[in-house]
Amino acid sequence: MRFSAPGGDGTTSEETFTDRNYIENILVKNCGFKKAGGLSGEMDRPCLLIPSPKEAILFSMYSHTEFLYDKQTKLRIEHLMPHLTSQLMTKEPIKLYPWERTALGIPVHPLKPSMGELRSAVPQIFEGEKILVLTTSPLTGDSKSTRYKYRKEYEELLNRIELSGRSFTDFLLLELSLPQHLEHTKEREFYVTELLFEYFAGSVLRDKGYLVTAPLATFADIVAFRSPELIGELRDKKNLERGGFLAELALHEVFGDVEPTAMEIPEVEEAVVVEAESTQGRTSSWSDREGFGQAQKHLALSGVNYNRAFATGPLCFKTHEEVGTISFDKDGELFFNEGHLEPTDVGSTLRYVKQVIENLVK
């Protein structure tokens, strides 16, 4: 399929590439993933080596990507939502919650225990080399013949994994499919799910020294926090290498200390809100329901104070003073515009975040 896609310099050229190529490039250039040519041939699908089991768990949480468990089951590690932190950290028996079946009829079970309980229940997730397989899945509205074709391809993949001698839990499946309204459009708008961009943007902010988590009292996609005191203390305790995802604090009990890398944390307190979108058009929009417009709207909402906002999505190279941009060109190179820092007092927001952190690092 041919797309007109902006290059790294913002110009437009005619280039043949796919959403899958784009996702691979972003993960390799920005998130520490590595291409696995031999495995890709073995599985007959693109495969990427994930930097560590810890990163595999974070990727599962933020992108809603599942680990394989066996030939019949996939497991997703649930997002650590701040308002669920106390529940997640209690020592309750592990529960496999019933979940909807995927389009391929494989049951999916979210896991909601503490990290210690999760490790006891599924230790394989926490050890060994982890591999991301980029594959395709049918849509709800696909014909029976199309769904049968995908099912056979899926069974073939499971057989290949079994023959490889690796554990099923070494593999995460990133199942890509077109949204239904774009399914039969030949020259469609480039599409990458919002969930993937939540992970991509979170990884960028983590590298810049922010603590990244789920929304607090707004309907944003992700939020992030940075202050010399907040991040400095966590780095001093060897909880974070640079910045990090909130879930990394919970994972510390399993994976242990990390060695902080040298970096400067700006002498300013920041509470950041991020709106993720799936297409370039939605990201660039100033509607109060999507993209830049919705990100700016979050700054004005009461309940939780933020002083910086970003919009994130594919192939967006717009610069605005009011709202920042986190995007990537077709080669996966980061496009980052910081935007304006509002003079809003975010002290109350940061105090709440510190309370959440205290529950995780006791």
Protein backbone atom coordinates (compact mmCIF):
# COMPACT_ATOMS: atom_id res chain seq x y z
CA MET A 1 0.00 0.00 0.00
CA ARG A 2 1.40 3.42 -0.92
CA PHE A 3 1.23 6.42 1.39
CA SER A 4 2.33 10.03 1.17
CA ALA A 5 4.30 10.27 4.37
CA PRO A 6 6.27 13.19 5.82
CA GLY A 7 9.98 12.53 6.14
CA GLY A 8 12.24 13.59 8.98
CA ASP A 9 12.65 17.07 7.49
CA GLY A 10 8.88 17.60 7.31
CA THR A 11 8.73 17.23 3.51
CA THR A 12 6.39 14.80 1.81
CA SER A 13 7.58 11.94 -0.36
CA GLU A 14 5.87 8.95 -1.94
CA GLU A 15 7.04 5.91 -0.01
CA THR A 16 5.78 2.37 0.35
CA PHE A 17 5.69 1.38 3.99
CA THR A 18 3.16 0.07 6.47
CA ASP A 19 1.86 0.77 9.96
CA ARG A 20 3.83 -2.29 11.06
CA ASN A 21 7.10 -0.90 9.66
CA TYR A 22 6.40 2.38 11.42
CA ILE A 23 5.78 0.69 14.78
CA GLU A 24 8.96 -1.38 14.42
CA ASN A 25 11.02 1.73 13.69
CA ILE A 26 9.67 3.62 16.71
CA LEU A 27 10.29 0.71 19.08
CA VAL A 28 13.85 0.21 17.83
CA LYS A 29 14.83 3.90 17.73
CA ASN A 30 13.18 5.02 20.97
CA CYS A 31 12.36 2.11 23.29
CA GLY A 32 15.42 -0.14 23.21
CA PHE A 33 13.83 -2.98 21.19
CA LYS A 34 16.03 -4.83 18.68
CA LYS A 35 15.17 -6.47 15.37
CA ALA A 36 15.46 -10.25 15.49
CA GLY A 37 16.05 -11.35 11.91
CA GLY A 38 16.60 -15.02 12.71
CA LEU A 39 13.49 -15.27 14.84
CA SER A 40 11.46 -13.34 12.29
CA GLY A 41 12.34 -16.00 9.73
CA GLU A 42 11.63 -18.80 12.19
CA MET A 43 8.18 -17.38 13.04
CA ASP A 44 7.51 -16.10 9.50
CA ARG A 45 6.53 -12.75 11.04
CA PRO A 46 8.44 -9.67 12.21
CA CYS A 47 9.90 -10.22 15.69
CA LEU A 48 11.57 -7.76 18.04
CA LEU A 49 13.66 -8.53 21.12
CA ILE A 50 12.29 -6.64 24.14
CA PRO A 51 15.02 -5.07 26.31
CA SER A 52 14.09 -7.00 29.49
CA PRO A 53 11.26 -8.92 31.17
CA LYS A 54 10.48 -5.75 33.14
CA GLU A 55 10.05 -3.76 29.94
CA ALA A 56 7.87 -6.54 28.51
CA ILE A 57 5.54 -6.18 31.51
CA LEU A 58 5.44 -2.39 31.11
CA PHE A 59 4.72 -2.75 27.39
CA SER A 60 1.90 -5.18 28.17
CA MET A 61 0.40 -2.75 30.70
CA TYR A 62 0.50 0.39 28.60
CA SER A 63 -0.22 -1.00 25.13
CA HIS A 64 -2.65 -3.76 26.28
CA THR A 65 -0.53 -6.35 24.50
CA GLU A 66 -0.88 -9.94 25.73
CA PHE A 67 1.67 -12.54 26.73
CA LEU A 68 1.01 -15.99 25.34
CA TYR A 69 0.43 -18.50 28.15
CA ASP A 70 -0.33 -21.67 26.23
CA LYS A 71 -2.12 -22.63 23.04
CA GLN A 72 -5.46 -21.57 24.48
CA THR A 73 -4.74 -18.60 26.71
CA LYS A 74 -3.17 -15.15 26.63
CA LEU A 75 -2.45 -12.97 29.65
CA ARG A 76 -2.37 -9.21 29.90
CA ILE A 77 -0.85 -7.40 32.86
CA GLU A 78 -3.37 -4.81 33.99
CA HIS A 79 -2.53 -1.12 34.14
CA LEU A 80 -1.52 0.20 37.57
CA MET A 81 -4.17 2.89 38.00
CA PRO A 82 -3.41 5.25 40.91
CA HIS A 83 -6.88 4.88 42.45
CA LEU A 84 -6.45 1.08 42.45
CA THR A 85 -2.97 1.08 43.95
CA SER A 86 -4.00 -0.05 47.44
CA GLN A 87 -6.05 -2.89 45.96
CA LEU A 88 -3.25 -3.95 43.64
CA MET A 89 -0.73 -4.07 46.44
CA THR A 90 -2.76 -6.18 48.89
CA LYS A 91 -1.72 -9.81 49.34
CA GLU A 92 -4.86 -11.40 47.94
CA PRO A 93 -4.92 -14.73 46.10
CA ILE A 94 -4.28 -14.28 42.40
CA LYS A 95 -7.43 -14.16 40.28
CA LEU A 96 -7.84 -14.77 36.59
CA TYR A 97 -10.72 -12.51 35.66
CA PRO A 98 -12.99 -13.78 32.86
CA TRP A 99 -12.53 -11.58 29.82
CA GLU A 100 -13.98 -11.15 26.38
CA ARG A 101 -12.72 -13.47 23.69
CA THR A 102 -10.55 -11.94 21.02
CA ALA A 103 -11.57 -11.91 17.38
CA LEU A 104 -9.71 -15.21 17.03
CA GLY A 105 -11.59 -16.90 19.84
CA ILE A 106 -8.66 -17.09 22.25
CA PRO A 107 -9.70 -16.28 25.84
CA VAL A 108 -7.80 -13.37 27.42
CA HIS A 109 -7.40 -13.04 31.19
CA PRO A 110 -6.30 -9.77 32.79
CA LEU A 111 -4.26 -10.17 35.96
CA LYS A 112 -4.83 -7.85 38.95
CA PRO A 113 -2.64 -9.03 41.83
CA SER A 114 0.35 -7.43 43.51
CA MET A 115 3.62 -7.94 41.68
CA GLY A 116 4.79 -10.46 44.28
CA GLU A 117 1.62 -12.51 43.86
CA LEU A 118 1.90 -12.25 40.09
CA ARG A 119 5.46 -13.53 40.18
CA SER A 120 4.41 -16.50 42.33
CA ALA A 121 1.57 -17.35 39.94
CA VAL A 122 3.35 -16.83 36.61
CA PRO A 123 7.13 -16.76 37.28
CA GLN A 124 7.92 -17.34 33.60
CA ILE A 125 6.85 -13.77 32.76
CA PHE A 126 9.60 -12.37 34.99
CA GLU A 127 12.54 -14.22 33.50
CA GLY A 128 14.21 -15.06 30.21
CA GLU A 129 14.31 -13.37 26.82
CA LYS A 130 11.04 -11.74 25.74
CA ILE A 131 10.00 -11.42 22.11
CA LEU A 132 7.37 -9.19 20.53
CA VAL A 133 5.69 -10.75 17.50
CA LEU A 134 3.93 -8.35 15.14
CA THR A 135 1.02 -10.19 13.60
CA THR A 136 -2.43 -9.44 12.18
CA SER A 137 -5.90 -10.19 13.41
CA PRO A 138 -9.33 -10.04 11.79
CA LEU A 139 -12.06 -7.55 12.55
CA THR A 140 -15.42 -8.29 14.11
CA GLY A 141 -17.13 -7.67 10.79
CA ASP A 142 -14.85 -9.88 8.68
CA SER A 143 -16.32 -12.76 6.67
CA LYS A 144 -16.14 -16.33 7.92
CA SER A 145 -13.61 -17.21 5.24
CA THR A 146 -11.34 -14.32 6.26
CA ARG A 147 -11.62 -15.24 9.91
CA TYR A 148 -10.84 -18.88 9.06
CA LYS A 149 -7.74 -17.77 7.14
CA TYR A 150 -6.49 -15.75 10.11
CA ARG A 151 -7.26 -18.61 12.47
CA LYS A 152 -5.14 -21.02 10.42
CA GLU A 153 -2.27 -18.50 10.34
CA TYR A 154 -2.55 -18.08 14.09
CA GLU A 155 -2.46 -21.83 14.68
CA GLU A 156 0.59 -22.03 12.43
CA LEU A 157 2.32 -19.37 14.57
CA LEU A 158 1.54 -21.31 17.76
CA ASN A 159 2.96 -24.47 16.18
CA ARG A 160 6.13 -22.61 15.18
CA ILE A 161 6.56 -21.35 18.76
CA GLU A 162 6.06 -24.88 20.11
CA LEU A 163 8.63 -26.31 17.68
CA SER A 164 11.14 -23.58 18.60
CA GLY A 165 11.53 -25.06 22.07
CA ARG A 166 10.82 -21.71 23.70
CA SER A 167 8.18 -21.13 26.34
CA PHE A 168 4.91 -19.58 25.18
CA THR A 169 5.37 -16.93 27.91
CA ASP A 170 8.50 -15.72 26.10
CA PHE A 171 6.22 -14.20 23.46
CA LEU A 172 3.96 -11.16 23.39
CA LEU A 173 1.61 -10.78 20.43
CA LEU A 174 0.98 -7.33 19.01
CA GLU A 175 -2.08 -7.98 16.86
CA LEU A 176 -2.59 -5.26 14.26
CA SER A 177 -5.77 -4.72 12.29
CA LEU A 178 -7.35 -1.81 10.47
CA PRO A 179 -10.23 -0.03 12.18
CA GLN A 180 -13.49 -1.19 10.66
CA HIS A 181 -14.42 2.06 8.94
CA LEU A 182 -11.05 2.11 7.14
CA GLU A 183 -10.87 -1.59 6.36
CA HIS A 184 -11.64 -1.40 2.64
CA THR A 185 -10.20 2.06 1.95
CA LYS A 186 -7.26 1.73 -0.40
CA GLU A 187 -5.61 5.10 0.24
CA ARG A 188 -6.47 5.27 3.93
CA GLU A 189 -5.09 7.59 6.58
CA PHE A 190 -2.11 6.15 8.42
CA TYR A 191 -3.32 4.45 11.61
CA VAL A 192 -1.61 3.36 14.86
CA THR A 193 -3.64 2.65 18.00
CA GLU A 194 -3.81 5.21 20.79
CA LEU A 195 -2.64 2.58 23.28
CA LEU A 196 0.65 2.17 21.43
CA PHE A 197 1.16 5.91 21.41
CA GLU A 198 0.53 6.01 25.16
CA TYR A 199 3.49 3.66 25.56
CA PHE A 200 5.60 5.55 22.96
CA ALA A 201 4.96 8.95 24.56
CA GLY A 202 5.48 7.49 28.04
CA SER A 203 8.86 6.10 26.98
CA VAL A 204 9.91 9.51 25.63
CA LEU A 205 8.86 11.29 28.83
CA ARG A 206 10.52 8.62 30.97
CA ASP A 207 13.79 9.27 29.16
CA LYS A 208 13.39 13.00 29.90
CA GLY A 209 13.09 12.38 33.63
CA TYR A 210 9.31 12.25 34.16
CA LEU A 211 7.31 9.78 36.22
CA VAL A 212 4.57 8.50 33.90
CA THR A 213 1.25 7.01 34.92
CA ALA A 214 -2.44 6.70 34.12
CA PRO A 215 -4.84 9.67 34.39
CA LEU A 216 -5.82 10.98 37.80
CA ALA A 217 -9.04 13.01 37.80
CA THR A 218 -9.31 13.78 34.07
CA PHE A 219 -10.09 11.77 30.96
CA ALA A 220 -6.62 12.18 29.48
CA ASP A 221 -4.67 9.19 28.21
CA ILE A 222 -1.53 9.45 30.34
CA VAL A 223 -0.08 11.96 32.79
CA ALA A 224 3.48 12.58 33.91
CA PHE A 225 5.22 14.43 36.74
CA ARG A 226 8.69 15.88 37.19
CA SER A 227 10.35 17.82 39.99
CA PRO A 228 13.88 17.76 41.43
CA GLU A 229 12.58 16.49 44.79
CA LEU A 230 10.19 13.84 43.44
CA ILE A 231 12.48 12.29 40.82
CA GLY A 232 15.66 12.94 42.81
CA GLU A 233 14.46 10.89 45.79
CA LEU A 234 13.39 7.96 43.61
CA ARG A 235 16.71 7.99 41.77
CA ASP A 236 18.65 8.19 45.06
CA LYS A 237 16.79 5.08 46.27
CA LYS A 238 17.72 3.34 43.00
CA ASN A 239 14.09 2.95 41.98
CA LEU A 240 14.55 4.72 38.64
CA GLU A 241 17.31 4.91 36.04
CA ARG A 242 16.16 8.26 34.60
CA GLY A 243 12.44 8.89 34.92
CA GLY A 244 10.06 5.95 34.80
CA PHE A 245 6.58 4.50 34.63
CA LEU A 246 4.71 4.36 37.95
CA ALA A 247 4.55 0.57 37.56
CA GLU A 248 8.35 0.41 37.77
CA LEU A 249 8.07 1.32 41.44
CA ALA A 250 5.86 -1.71 42.03
CA LEU A 251 8.19 -3.88 39.94
CA HIS A 252 11.15 -2.83 42.09
CA GLU A 253 10.20 -5.46 44.69
CA VAL A 254 10.76 -8.13 42.04
CA PHE A 255 13.61 -6.80 39.89
CA GLY A 256 15.58 -4.90 42.55
CA ASP A 257 17.72 -1.75 42.33
CA VAL A 258 18.65 0.02 39.11
CA GLU A 259 21.68 2.25 38.61
CA PRO A 260 20.63 5.86 37.87
CA THR A 261 22.24 7.52 34.85
CA ALA A 262 23.59 11.04 35.06
CA MET A 263 21.05 13.67 34.04
CA GLU A 264 19.86 17.11 35.05
CA ILE A 265 16.32 17.54 36.34
CA PRO A 266 15.05 21.09 35.63
CA GLU A 267 14.40 23.19 38.75
CA VAL A 268 10.68 23.41 38.10
CA GLU A 269 7.68 21.36 39.19
CA GLU A 270 5.69 19.91 36.30
CA ALA A 271 2.41 18.04 36.04
CA VAL A 272 1.89 17.04 32.42
CA VAL A 273 -1.20 15.76 30.62
CA VAL A 274 -0.96 13.82 27.33
CA GLU A 275 -3.69 13.18 24.76
CA ALA A 276 -2.94 10.24 22.43
CA GLU A 277 -4.52 9.81 19.00
CA SER A 278 -4.44 7.13 16.30
CA THR A 279 -4.08 9.25 13.12
CA GLN A 280 -2.25 12.34 11.98
CA GLY A 281 -5.51 14.16 11.37
CA ARG A 282 -6.89 13.54 14.85
CA THR A 283 -3.57 14.50 16.48
CA SER A 284 -3.42 17.81 14.59
CA SER A 285 -7.04 18.71 15.40
CA TRP A 286 -8.00 21.64 17.62
CA SER A 287 -11.42 20.18 18.35
CA ASP A 288 -12.05 19.96 22.10
CA ARG A 289 -12.60 16.21 21.62
CA GLU A 290 -9.28 15.22 20.04
CA GLY A 291 -5.62 16.07 19.57
CA PHE A 292 -4.20 19.47 20.44
CA GLY A 293 -7.62 20.87 21.28
CA GLN A 294 -8.45 18.17 23.80
CA ALA A 295 -4.99 18.36 25.37
CA GLN A 296 -5.43 22.10 25.86
CA LYS A 297 -8.89 21.52 27.34
CA HIS A 298 -7.38 19.29 30.06
CA LEU A 299 -5.28 22.23 31.27
CA ALA A 300 -8.45 24.17 32.07
CA LEU A 301 -10.32 21.38 33.89
CA SER A 302 -10.74 21.56 37.65
CA GLY A 303 -9.92 18.75 40.04
CA VAL A 304 -6.25 18.16 39.18
CA ASN A 305 -3.89 20.95 38.18
CA TYR A 306 -1.55 20.49 35.20
CA ASN A 307 0.88 23.04 33.80
CA ARG A 308 1.95 21.44 30.51
CA ALA A 309 0.10 19.49 27.80
CA PHE A 310 1.11 17.33 24.84
CA ALA A 311 -0.68 15.74 21.92
CA THR A 312 0.84 12.51 20.57
CA GLY A 313 0.07 10.50 17.46
CA PRO A 314 1.55 9.32 14.14
CA LEU A 315 3.44 11.54 11.70
CA CYS A 316 2.46 14.85 13.29
CA PHE A 317 5.03 17.63 12.90
CA LYS A 318 3.01 20.62 14.10
CA THR A 319 4.54 23.07 16.56
CA HIS A 320 2.36 25.16 18.85
CA GLU A 321 3.18 27.30 21.83
CA GLU A 322 0.11 26.26 23.83
CA VAL A 323 0.45 22.46 23.47
CA GLY A 324 3.54 20.34 22.86
CA THR A 325 3.95 17.53 20.32
CA ILE A 326 5.35 14.01 20.67
CA SER A 327 5.52 12.17 17.35
CA PHE A 328 7.88 10.28 15.05
CA ASP A 329 8.75 10.41 11.37
CA LYS A 330 8.46 7.34 9.14
CA ASP A 331 11.95 6.19 10.16
CA GLY A 332 11.01 6.32 13.84
CA GLU A 333 12.99 9.49 14.62
CA LEU A 334 11.49 11.50 17.46
CA PHE A 335 9.75 14.82 16.81
CA PHE A 336 9.43 16.64 20.14
CA ASN A 337 8.07 20.12 20.76
CA GLU A 338 7.88 21.04 24.43
CA GLY A 339 5.21 23.70 24.21
CA HIS A 340 4.44 26.28 26.85
CA LEU A 341 4.75 25.82 30.62
CA GLU A 342 1.69 27.35 32.28
CA PRO A 343 2.14 29.35 35.52
CA THR A 344 -0.32 27.00 37.29
CA ASP A 345 0.55 25.90 40.84
CA VAL A 346 0.78 22.08 40.70
CA GLY A 347 1.84 21.58 44.31
CA SER A 348 -1.42 19.85 45.33
CA THR A 349 -1.18 17.46 42.36
CA LEU A 350 2.40 16.52 43.22
CA ARG A 351 1.51 15.98 46.88
CA TYR A 352 -1.15 13.47 45.82
CA VAL A 353 1.34 11.69 43.53
CA LYS A 354 3.82 11.45 46.41
CA GLN A 355 1.16 9.73 48.53
CA VAL A 356 0.60 7.19 45.75
CA ILE A 357 4.36 6.61 45.51
CA GLU A 358 4.64 6.06 49.26
CA ASN A 359 2.13 3.20 48.98
CA LEU A 360 4.25 1.57 46.29
CA VAL A 361 7.73 1.88 47.80
CA LYS A 362 7.05 1.06 51.46
